[in-house]
């Protein structure tokens, strides 16, 4: 189950781990806050989890992200 994340989703979750807010991520990547939220929602749905923190934990377990 490798490469669950698209490159953009990986960027967003990497910034989340770095403690960026939705607004800060949107500014950093030059996209809307709604787009950021949509990407996060899509990832949570792919993983079958509720909440950003659960998504981050799963992505770390799956080695999609590292701290």
N, C-alpha and C. Protein backbone atom coordinates (compact mmCIF):
# COMPACT_ATOMS: atom_id res chain seq x y z
N UNK A 1 0.85 -1.20 0.00
CA UNK A 1 0.00 0.00 0.00
C UNK A 1 0.89 1.25 0.00
N UNK A 2 1.87 1.28 -0.86
CA UNK A 2 2.78 2.43 -0.93
C UNK A 2 2.22 3.53 -1.82
N UNK A 3 2.71 4.72 -1.59
CA UNK A 3 2.33 5.90 -2.37
C UNK A 3 0.82 6.15 -2.36
N UNK A 4 0.30 6.24 -1.15
CA UNK A 4 -1.12 6.56 -0.97
C UNK A 4 -1.35 8.03 -1.32
N UNK A 5 -0.37 8.85 -0.97
CA UNK A 5 -0.51 10.29 -1.13
C UNK A 5 -0.08 10.77 -2.51
N UNK A 6 -0.82 11.76 -3.00
CA UNK A 6 -0.36 12.48 -4.19
C UNK A 6 0.77 13.41 -3.73
N UNK A 7 1.57 13.91 -4.65
CA UNK A 7 2.62 14.85 -4.24
C UNK A 7 2.06 16.06 -3.47
N UNK A 8 0.92 16.58 -3.88
CA UNK A 8 0.33 17.74 -3.20
C UNK A 8 -0.15 17.37 -1.79
N UNK A 9 -0.77 16.21 -1.66
CA UNK A 9 -1.21 15.78 -0.33
C UNK A 9 -0.01 15.61 0.60
N UNK A 10 1.07 15.08 0.06
CA UNK A 10 2.29 14.91 0.86
C UNK A 10 2.82 16.26 1.33
N UNK A 11 2.82 17.24 0.42
CA UNK A 11 3.25 18.60 0.79
C UNK A 11 2.40 19.14 1.95
N UNK A 12 1.09 18.97 1.82
CA UNK A 12 0.17 19.50 2.83
C UNK A 12 0.39 18.83 4.18
N UNK A 13 0.50 17.50 4.19
CA UNK A 13 0.68 16.81 5.46
C UNK A 13 2.05 17.06 6.06
N UNK A 14 3.05 17.28 5.22
CA UNK A 14 4.37 17.64 5.73
C UNK A 14 4.30 18.98 6.45
N UNK A 15 3.56 19.93 5.87
CA UNK A 15 3.39 21.23 6.52
C UNK A 15 2.55 21.11 7.79
N UNK A 16 1.55 20.23 7.78
CA UNK A 16 0.76 20.00 9.00
C UNK A 16 1.65 19.50 10.13
N UNK A 17 2.53 18.57 9.81
CA UNK A 17 3.46 18.05 10.82
C UNK A 17 4.35 19.17 11.35
N UNK A 18 4.67 20.12 10.48
CA UNK A 18 5.50 21.26 10.89
C UNK A 18 4.67 22.34 11.59
N UNK A 19 3.43 21.99 11.93
CA UNK A 19 2.55 22.85 12.73
C UNK A 19 2.03 24.08 11.98
N UNK A 20 1.91 23.97 10.67
CA UNK A 20 1.29 25.04 9.89
C UNK A 20 -0.23 24.94 10.03
N UNK A 21 -0.91 26.07 10.07
CA UNK A 21 -2.38 26.08 10.08
C UNK A 21 -2.88 25.91 8.64
N UNK A 22 -4.17 25.66 8.52
CA UNK A 22 -4.77 25.54 7.18
C UNK A 22 -4.49 26.81 6.38
N UNK A 23 -4.67 27.95 7.03
CA UNK A 23 -4.46 29.24 6.35
C UNK A 23 -3.00 29.40 5.92
N UNK A 24 -2.07 29.02 6.80
CA UNK A 24 -0.64 29.13 6.48
C UNK A 24 -0.25 28.18 5.33
N UNK A 25 -0.84 26.99 5.33
CA UNK A 25 -0.57 26.03 4.24
C UNK A 25 -1.07 26.61 2.92
N UNK A 26 -2.28 27.16 2.95
CA UNK A 26 -2.86 27.75 1.74
C UNK A 26 -1.96 28.85 1.20
N UNK A 27 -1.47 29.71 2.09
CA UNK A 27 -0.60 30.81 1.68
C UNK A 27 0.72 30.27 1.13
N UNK A 28 1.31 29.32 1.83
CA UNK A 28 2.60 28.73 1.43
C UNK A 28 2.52 28.09 0.04
N UNK A 29 1.41 27.38 -0.23
CA UNK A 29 1.28 26.65 -1.49
C UNK A 29 0.50 27.42 -2.56
N UNK A 30 0.08 28.63 -2.20
CA UNK A 30 -0.66 29.48 -3.14
C UNK A 30 -1.95 28.81 -3.65
N UNK A 31 -2.68 28.20 -2.71
CA UNK A 31 -3.98 27.60 -3.02
C UNK A 31 -4.98 28.09 -1.97
N UNK A 32 -6.26 27.84 -2.17
CA UNK A 32 -7.26 28.31 -1.22
C UNK A 32 -7.31 27.40 0.01
N UNK A 33 -7.83 27.96 1.11
CA UNK A 33 -7.99 27.17 2.33
C UNK A 33 -8.94 26.00 2.07
N UNK A 34 -9.95 26.23 1.25
CA UNK A 34 -10.90 25.15 0.94
C UNK A 34 -10.18 24.00 0.23
N UNK A 35 -9.28 24.32 -0.67
CA UNK A 35 -8.52 23.28 -1.37
C UNK A 35 -7.67 22.49 -0.38
N UNK A 36 -7.06 23.19 0.57
CA UNK A 36 -6.26 22.50 1.60
C UNK A 36 -7.16 21.54 2.37
N UNK A 37 -8.32 22.03 2.81
CA UNK A 37 -9.25 21.18 3.57
C UNK A 37 -9.72 19.99 2.74
N UNK A 38 -9.95 20.21 1.44
CA UNK A 38 -10.37 19.11 0.57
C UNK A 38 -9.29 18.03 0.48
N UNK A 39 -8.04 18.44 0.33
CA UNK A 39 -6.93 17.48 0.28
C UNK A 39 -6.86 16.67 1.58
N UNK A 40 -6.99 17.37 2.70
CA UNK A 40 -6.93 16.69 4.00
C UNK A 40 -8.09 15.71 4.13
N UNK A 41 -9.28 16.13 3.73
CA UNK A 41 -10.46 15.25 3.77
C UNK A 41 -10.26 14.02 2.89
N UNK A 42 -9.72 14.22 1.70
CA UNK A 42 -9.49 13.11 0.79
C UNK A 42 -8.55 12.08 1.40
N UNK A 43 -7.51 12.56 2.04
CA UNK A 43 -6.54 11.65 2.67
C UNK A 43 -7.21 10.90 3.82
N UNK A 44 -7.97 11.60 4.65
CA UNK A 44 -8.66 10.94 5.76
C UNK A 44 -9.60 9.86 5.24
N UNK A 45 -10.28 10.15 4.14
CA UNK A 45 -11.19 9.18 3.54
C UNK A 45 -10.41 7.97 3.01
N UNK A 46 -9.30 8.21 2.33
CA UNK A 46 -8.47 7.12 1.80
C UNK A 46 -8.03 6.18 2.92
N UNK A 47 -7.70 6.78 4.07
CA UNK A 47 -7.17 6.01 5.19
C UNK A 47 -8.27 5.44 6.09
N UNK A 48 -9.48 5.95 5.92
CA UNK A 48 -10.58 5.50 6.77
C UNK A 48 -10.46 5.96 8.20
N UNK A 49 -9.98 7.20 8.38
CA UNK A 49 -9.82 7.75 9.74
C UNK A 49 -10.61 9.03 9.89
N UNK A 50 -10.85 9.38 11.15
CA UNK A 50 -11.51 10.65 11.46
C UNK A 50 -10.49 11.55 12.12
N UNK A 51 -10.23 12.68 11.52
CA UNK A 51 -9.33 13.65 12.13
C UNK A 51 -7.94 13.66 11.52
N UNK A 52 -7.38 14.85 11.55
CA UNK A 52 -6.05 15.06 10.98
C UNK A 52 -4.98 14.29 11.74
N UNK A 53 -5.10 14.30 13.07
CA UNK A 53 -4.08 13.63 13.89
C UNK A 53 -4.04 12.14 13.58
N UNK A 54 -5.21 11.52 13.46
CA UNK A 54 -5.28 10.09 13.12
C UNK A 54 -4.67 9.84 11.75
N UNK A 55 -4.93 10.74 10.81
CA UNK A 55 -4.36 10.60 9.47
C UNK A 55 -2.84 10.67 9.54
N UNK A 56 -2.31 11.60 10.31
CA UNK A 56 -0.85 11.73 10.44
C UNK A 56 -0.26 10.45 11.04
N UNK A 57 -0.90 9.93 12.10
CA UNK A 57 -0.41 8.70 12.74
C UNK A 57 -0.38 7.56 11.73
N UNK A 58 -1.45 7.39 10.98
CA UNK A 58 -1.51 6.31 9.98
C UNK A 58 -0.45 6.49 8.90
N UNK A 59 -0.28 7.72 8.43
CA UNK A 59 0.72 7.98 7.39
C UNK A 59 2.13 7.71 7.89
N UNK A 60 2.38 7.98 9.16
CA UNK A 60 3.69 7.67 9.74
C UNK A 60 3.88 6.16 9.81
N UNK A 61 2.84 5.44 10.25
CA UNK A 61 2.91 3.98 10.34
C UNK A 61 3.17 3.36 8.97
N UNK A 62 2.53 3.93 7.94
CA UNK A 62 2.66 3.41 6.59
C UNK A 62 3.95 3.90 5.90
N UNK A 63 4.71 4.72 6.63
CA UNK A 63 5.96 5.29 6.11
C UNK A 63 5.75 6.20 4.90
N UNK A 64 4.56 6.80 4.84
CA UNK A 64 4.27 7.80 3.80
C UNK A 64 4.89 9.14 4.21
N UNK A 65 5.00 9.34 5.51
CA UNK A 65 5.58 10.57 6.06
C UNK A 65 6.63 10.18 7.09
N UNK A 66 7.53 11.11 7.36
CA UNK A 66 8.47 10.91 8.46
C UNK A 66 8.59 12.21 9.22
N UNK A 67 8.96 12.09 10.47
CA UNK A 67 9.10 13.29 11.31
C UNK A 67 10.57 13.66 11.38
